[in-house]
Amino acid sequence: MSAPAGPPAVVLVGPPGAGKSTVGRILAARLGVGYRDTDADIEATAGRPIPEIFIDQGEPHFRELERAAVRDALAGHGGVLSLGGGAIMDEGTRALLAGLPVVFLDVGLHAAVHRVGLDAPRPLLAVNPRQSWRELMEARRPLYTEVARAVVGTDDGTPEDVAEAVLDALQLKDA
């Protein structure tokens, strides 16, 4: 299912394990629009998985690819869009998100670890995943909150419950 050109109907932000991909697909189906994930866009453009980009070319190169992917997706995708967990670290990206229907999917450490797993290929969580996740969230939580029109917790509900809460928060129930 394709989506009309941007702006997106919903933009999901949050840390690894928040459920952005799962909830994003459910939202897209509920709204009758397409789903897009900027991490998948980066992998398609680079022709390799994100962990390999980090290892072979470094985080700064990955962040350049990410900025371009987010910019393109925000301009050209009118459906549901999930951003990579660190996309909001870029000031330009945060500026592009201003005024858009952004939802921060918040998740606690226990649920994130359960969902992501400690051996998942997450480059920024490779060493001491629990501590790394805590540090990431200390740096990122204020930025997720800054760009979000709404914050929806994902620890206790099913993905369908979370999608419903997102629709409620953005007043898209009758969409």
C-alpha atoms as a PDB file:
ATOM      1  CA  MET A   1       0.000   0.000   0.000  1.00  0.00           C
ATOM      2  CA  SER A   2       1.480   3.311  -0.989  1.00  0.00           C
ATOM      3  CA  ALA A   3       1.006   6.620   0.704  1.00  0.00           C
ATOM      4  CA  PRO A   4       0.552  10.049  -0.816  1.00  0.00           C
ATOM      5  CA  ALA A   5       3.457  12.465  -0.648  1.00  0.00           C
ATOM      6  CA  GLY A   6       4.137  13.917   2.822  1.00  0.00           C
ATOM      7  CA  PRO A   7       3.658  15.169   5.370  1.00  0.00           C
ATOM      8  CA  PRO A   8       3.216  11.902   7.237  1.00  0.00           C
ATOM      9  CA  ALA A   9      -0.080  11.040   8.925  1.00  0.00           C
ATOM     10  CA  VAL A  10       1.865   9.826  11.993  1.00  0.00           C
ATOM     11  CA  VAL A  11       5.568   9.878  12.876  1.00  0.00           C
ATOM     12  CA  LEU A  12       6.752   7.444  15.550  1.00  0.00           C
ATOM     13  CA  VAL A  13       9.899   8.088  17.585  1.00  0.00           C
ATOM     14  CA  GLY A  14      11.381   6.211  20.502  1.00  0.00           C
ATOM     15  CA  PRO A  15      14.216   3.968  21.620  1.00  0.00           C
ATOM     16  CA  PRO A  16      15.003   0.448  20.449  1.00  0.00           C
ATOM     17  CA  GLY A  17      12.359  -1.929  21.751  1.00  0.00           C
ATOM     18  CA  ALA A  18       9.578   0.668  21.960  1.00  0.00           C
ATOM     19  CA  GLY A  19       7.574  -1.060  19.233  1.00  0.00           C
ATOM     20  CA  LYS A  20       7.825   1.553  16.494  1.00  0.00           C
ATOM     21  CA  SER A  21       7.842  -0.982  13.640  1.00  0.00           C
ATOM     22  CA  THR A  22       5.119  -3.223  15.017  1.00  0.00           C
ATOM     23  CA  VAL A  23       2.826  -0.387  16.080  1.00  0.00           C
ATOM     24  CA  GLY A  24       3.595   1.536  12.892  1.00  0.00           C
ATOM     25  CA  ARG A  25       2.385  -1.308  10.690  1.00  0.00           C
ATOM     26  CA  ILE A  26      -0.815  -1.638  12.738  1.00  0.00           C
ATOM     27  CA  LEU A  27      -1.447   2.115  12.532  1.00  0.00           C
ATOM     28  CA  ALA A  28      -0.874   2.131   8.775  1.00  0.00           C
ATOM     29  CA  ALA A  29      -3.381  -0.680   8.329  1.00  0.00           C
ATOM     30  CA  ARG A  30      -5.928   1.056  10.576  1.00  0.00           C
ATOM     31  CA  LEU A  31      -5.529   4.353   8.717  1.00  0.00           C
ATOM     32  CA  GLY A  32      -5.428   2.757   5.261  1.00  0.00           C
ATOM     33  CA  VAL A  33      -2.048   4.254   4.405  1.00  0.00           C
ATOM     34  CA  GLY A  34       1.458   2.961   3.742  1.00  0.00           C
ATOM     35  CA  TYR A  35       4.129   2.278   6.338  1.00  0.00           C
ATOM     36  CA  ARG A  36       7.763   3.378   6.051  1.00  0.00           C
ATOM     37  CA  ASP A  37      10.768   2.910   8.325  1.00  0.00           C
ATOM     38  CA  THR A  38      13.807   5.128   7.844  1.00  0.00           C
ATOM     39  CA  ASP A  39      16.153   2.385   9.106  1.00  0.00           C
ATOM     40  CA  ALA A  40      14.901   0.141   6.287  1.00  0.00           C
ATOM     41  CA  ASP A  41      15.394   3.033   3.838  1.00  0.00           C
ATOM     42  CA  ILE A  42      19.002   3.427   4.996  1.00  0.00           C
ATOM     43  CA  GLU A  43      19.704  -0.279   4.603  1.00  0.00           C
ATOM     44  CA  ALA A  44      18.162  -0.284   1.123  1.00  0.00           C
ATOM     45  CA  THR A  45      20.168   2.759   0.038  1.00  0.00           C
ATOM     46  CA  ALA A  46      23.449   1.501   1.519  1.00  0.00           C
ATOM     47  CA  GLY A  47      22.863  -2.090   0.421  1.00  0.00           C
ATOM     48  CA  ARG A  48      23.911  -3.388   3.814  1.00  0.00           C
ATOM     49  CA  PRO A  49      22.619  -3.748   7.381  1.00  0.00           C
ATOM     50  CA  ILE A  50      22.987  -0.850   9.782  1.00  0.00           C
ATOM     51  CA  PRO A  51      25.409  -2.709  12.110  1.00  0.00           C
ATOM     52  CA  GLU A  52      27.774  -3.172   9.154  1.00  0.00           C
ATOM     53  CA  ILE A  53      27.563   0.544   8.316  1.00  0.00           C
ATOM     54  CA  PHE A  54      28.498   1.354  11.924  1.00  0.00           C
ATOM     55  CA  ILE A  55      31.403  -1.082  11.943  1.00  0.00           C
ATOM     56  CA  ASP A  56      32.805  -0.377   8.484  1.00  0.00           C
ATOM     57  CA  GLN A  57      32.099   3.327   8.042  1.00  0.00           C
ATOM     58  CA  GLY A  58      31.379   4.612  11.547  1.00  0.00           C
ATOM     59  CA  GLU A  59      28.522   6.308  13.293  1.00  0.00           C
ATOM     60  CA  PRO A  60      29.076   9.752  11.675  1.00  0.00           C
ATOM     61  CA  HIS A  61      28.579   8.227   8.209  1.00  0.00           C
ATOM     62  CA  PHE A  62      25.475   6.384   9.394  1.00  0.00           C
ATOM     63  CA  ARG A  63      24.055   9.619  10.847  1.00  0.00           C
ATOM     64  CA  GLU A  64      24.572  11.353   7.478  1.00  0.00           C
ATOM     65  CA  LEU A  65      22.604   8.578   5.778  1.00  0.00           C
ATOM     66  CA  GLU A  66      19.969   8.841   8.490  1.00  0.00           C
ATOM     67  CA  ARG A  67      19.540  12.604   8.103  1.00  0.00           C
ATOM     68  CA  ALA A  68      19.001  12.171   4.352  1.00  0.00           C
ATOM     69  CA  ALA A  69      16.575   9.268   4.840  1.00  0.00           C
ATOM     70  CA  VAL A  70      14.502  11.202   7.375  1.00  0.00           C
ATOM     71  CA  ARG A  71      14.421  14.334   5.227  1.00  0.00           C
ATOM     72  CA  ASP A  72      13.291  12.333   2.168  1.00  0.00           C
ATOM     73  CA  ALA A  73      10.678  10.373   4.106  1.00  0.00           C
ATOM     74  CA  LEU A  74       9.205  13.443   5.786  1.00  0.00           C
ATOM     75  CA  ALA A  75       8.853  15.143   2.404  1.00  0.00           C
ATOM     76  CA  GLY A  76       7.606  12.172   0.443  1.00  0.00           C
ATOM     77  CA  HIS A  77       5.555   9.838   2.623  1.00  0.00           C
ATOM     78  CA  GLY A  78       2.024  10.673   3.703  1.00  0.00           C
ATOM     79  CA  GLY A  79       1.511   7.473   5.667  1.00  0.00           C
ATOM     80  CA  VAL A  80       2.911   6.219   8.963  1.00  0.00           C
ATOM     81  CA  LEU A  81       6.639   6.790   9.410  1.00  0.00           C
ATOM     82  CA  SER A  82       8.963   5.260  12.008  1.00  0.00           C
ATOM     83  CA  LEU A  83      12.281   6.952  12.663  1.00  0.00           C
ATOM     84  CA  GLY A  84      15.380   5.199  13.922  1.00  0.00           C
ATOM     85  CA  GLY A  85      15.945   5.590  17.641  1.00  0.00           C
ATOM     86  CA  GLY A  86      18.752   8.132  17.298  1.00  0.00           C
ATOM     87  CA  ALA A  87      17.306  10.270  14.494  1.00  0.00           C
ATOM     88  CA  ILE A  88      16.088  12.900  16.965  1.00  0.00           C
ATOM     89  CA  MET A  89      19.661  13.581  18.094  1.00  0.00           C
ATOM     90  CA  ASP A  90      20.100  15.741  14.992  1.00  0.00           C
ATOM     91  CA  GLU A  91      18.970  19.332  15.487  1.00  0.00           C
ATOM     92  CA  GLY A  92      17.940  19.666  11.831  1.00  0.00           C
ATOM     93  CA  THR A  93      15.766  16.574  12.090  1.00  0.00           C
ATOM     94  CA  ARG A  94      14.085  17.938  15.215  1.00  0.00           C
ATOM     95  CA  ALA A  95      13.357  21.164  13.326  1.00  0.00           C
ATOM     96  CA  LEU A  96      11.786  19.196  10.456  1.00  0.00           C
ATOM     97  CA  LEU A  97       9.514  17.410  12.943  1.00  0.00           C
ATOM     98  CA  ALA A  98       8.107  20.664  14.349  1.00  0.00           C
ATOM     99  CA  GLY A  99       4.350  20.809  13.898  1.00  0.00           C
ATOM    100  CA  LEU A 100       4.027  17.211  12.673  1.00  0.00           C
ATOM    101  CA  PRO A 101       1.937  14.499  14.361  1.00  0.00           C
ATOM    102  CA  VAL A 102       4.878  12.936  16.216  1.00  0.00           C
ATOM    103  CA  VAL A 103       4.292  10.335  18.922  1.00  0.00           C
ATOM    104  CA  PHE A 104       7.015   9.238  21.340  1.00  0.00           C
ATOM    105  CA  LEU A 105       6.551   5.546  22.072  1.00  0.00           C
ATOM    106  CA  ASP A 106       8.023   5.306  25.543  1.00  0.00           C
ATOM    107  CA  VAL A 107       9.250   2.021  26.972  1.00  0.00           C
ATOM    108  CA  GLY A 108      10.945   1.040  30.198  1.00  0.00           C
ATOM    109  CA  LEU A 109      14.238  -0.808  30.411  1.00  0.00           C
ATOM    110  CA  HIS A 110      12.744  -4.177  31.364  1.00  0.00           C
ATOM    111  CA  ALA A 111      10.306  -4.239  28.443  1.00  0.00           C
ATOM    112  CA  ALA A 112      12.925  -2.928  25.999  1.00  0.00           C
ATOM    113  CA  VAL A 113      15.454  -5.584  26.992  1.00  0.00           C
ATOM    114  CA  HIS A 114      12.781  -8.265  26.677  1.00  0.00           C
ATOM    115  CA  ARG A 115      11.791  -7.056  23.197  1.00  0.00           C
ATOM    116  CA  VAL A 116      15.202  -6.214  21.779  1.00  0.00           C
ATOM    117  CA  GLY A 117      17.099  -9.060  23.379  1.00  0.00           C
ATOM    118  CA  LEU A 118      20.614  -8.659  24.570  1.00  0.00           C
ATOM    119  CA  ASP A 119      22.129 -10.229  21.485  1.00  0.00           C
ATOM    120  CA  ALA A 120      20.226  -8.270  18.859  1.00  0.00           C
ATOM    121  CA  PRO A 121      22.319  -6.412  16.290  1.00  0.00           C
ATOM    122  CA  ARG A 122      21.972  -2.940  17.815  1.00  0.00           C
ATOM    123  CA  PRO A 123      25.332  -1.210  17.407  1.00  0.00           C
ATOM    124  CA  LEU A 124      24.887   1.323  20.195  1.00  0.00           C
ATOM    125  CA  LEU A 125      23.807  -1.365  22.653  1.00  0.00           C
ATOM    126  CA  ALA A 126      26.573  -3.866  21.893  1.00  0.00           C
ATOM    127  CA  VAL A 127      28.592  -3.376  25.083  1.00  0.00           C
ATOM    128  CA  ASN A 128      26.719  -3.648  28.408  1.00  0.00           C
ATOM    129  CA  PRO A 129      23.266  -3.333  26.795  1.00  0.00           C
ATOM    130  CA  ARG A 130      21.354  -2.393  29.953  1.00  0.00           C
ATOM    131  CA  GLN A 131      23.743   0.395  30.911  1.00  0.00           C
ATOM    132  CA  SER A 132      24.030   1.560  27.296  1.00  0.00           C
ATOM    133  CA  TRP A 133      20.232   1.686  27.004  1.00  0.00           C
ATOM    134  CA  ARG A 134      19.943   3.722  30.220  1.00  0.00           C
ATOM    135  CA  GLU A 135      22.573   6.189  28.968  1.00  0.00           C
ATOM    136  CA  LEU A 136      20.887   6.483  25.576  1.00  0.00           C
ATOM    137  CA  MET A 137      17.572   7.244  27.246  1.00  0.00           C
ATOM    138  CA  GLU A 138      19.097   9.854  29.557  1.00  0.00           C
ATOM    139  CA  ALA A 139      20.364  11.698  26.485  1.00  0.00           C
ATOM    140  CA  ARG A 140      17.380  11.078  24.230  1.00  0.00           C
ATOM    141  CA  ARG A 141      14.273  11.234  26.458  1.00  0.00           C
ATOM    142  CA  PRO A 142      14.211  15.057  26.572  1.00  0.00           C
ATOM    143  CA  LEU A 143      14.564  15.166  22.779  1.00  0.00           C
ATOM    144  CA  TYR A 144      11.837  12.581  22.177  1.00  0.00           C
ATOM    145  CA  THR A 145       9.593  14.618  24.446  1.00  0.00           C
ATOM    146  CA  GLU A 146      10.568  17.872  22.712  1.00  0.00           C
ATOM    147  CA  VAL A 147       9.454  16.676  19.261  1.00  0.00           C
ATOM    148  CA  ALA A 148       6.372  14.735  20.369  1.00  0.00           C
ATOM    149  CA  ARG A 149       2.807  15.931  20.238  1.00  0.00           C
ATOM    150  CA  ALA A 150       1.945  12.933  22.433  1.00  0.00           C
ATOM    151  CA  VAL A 151       3.716  10.324  24.557  1.00  0.00           C
ATOM    152  CA  VAL A 152       2.318   6.782  24.642  1.00  0.00           C
ATOM    153  CA  GLY A 153       3.723   4.129  26.950  1.00  0.00           C
ATOM    154  CA  THR A 154       4.228   0.686  25.442  1.00  0.00           C
ATOM    155  CA  ASP A 155       5.233  -1.419  28.464  1.00  0.00           C
ATOM    156  CA  ASP A 156       1.888  -2.909  29.421  1.00  0.00           C
ATOM    157  CA  GLY A 157      -0.391  -2.951  26.397  1.00  0.00           C
ATOM    158  CA  THR A 158      -0.505  -5.105  23.299  1.00  0.00           C
ATOM    159  CA  PRO A 159       0.671  -3.507  20.050  1.00  0.00           C
ATOM    160  CA  GLU A 160      -3.002  -3.096  19.128  1.00  0.00           C
ATOM    161  CA  ASP A 161      -3.644  -1.291  22.442  1.00  0.00           C
ATOM    162  CA  VAL A 162      -0.701   1.009  21.788  1.00  0.00           C
ATOM    163  CA  ALA A 163      -1.908   1.750  18.254  1.00  0.00           C
ATOM    164  CA  GLU A 164      -5.334   2.591  19.684  1.00  0.00           C
ATOM    165  CA  ALA A 165      -3.707   4.927  22.226  1.00  0.00           C
ATOM    166  CA  VAL A 166      -1.765   6.658  19.437  1.00  0.00           C
ATOM    167  CA  LEU A 167      -4.960   7.178  17.442  1.00  0.00           C
ATOM    168  CA  ASP A 168      -6.662   8.556  20.584  1.00  0.00           C
ATOM    169  CA  ALA A 169      -3.730  10.855  21.380  1.00  0.00           C
ATOM    170  CA  LEU A 170      -3.705  12.306  17.855  1.00  0.00           C
ATOM    171  CA  GLN A 171      -7.512  12.355  17.641  1.00  0.00           C
ATOM    172  CA  LEU A 172      -7.448  10.112  14.564  1.00  0.00           C
ATOM    173  CA  LYS A 173     -10.062   7.619  15.780  1.00  0.00           C
ATOM    174  CA  ASP A 174     -12.515   8.468  13.018  1.00  0.00           C
ATOM    175  CA  ALA A 175      -9.871   8.614  10.307  1.00  0.00           C
END
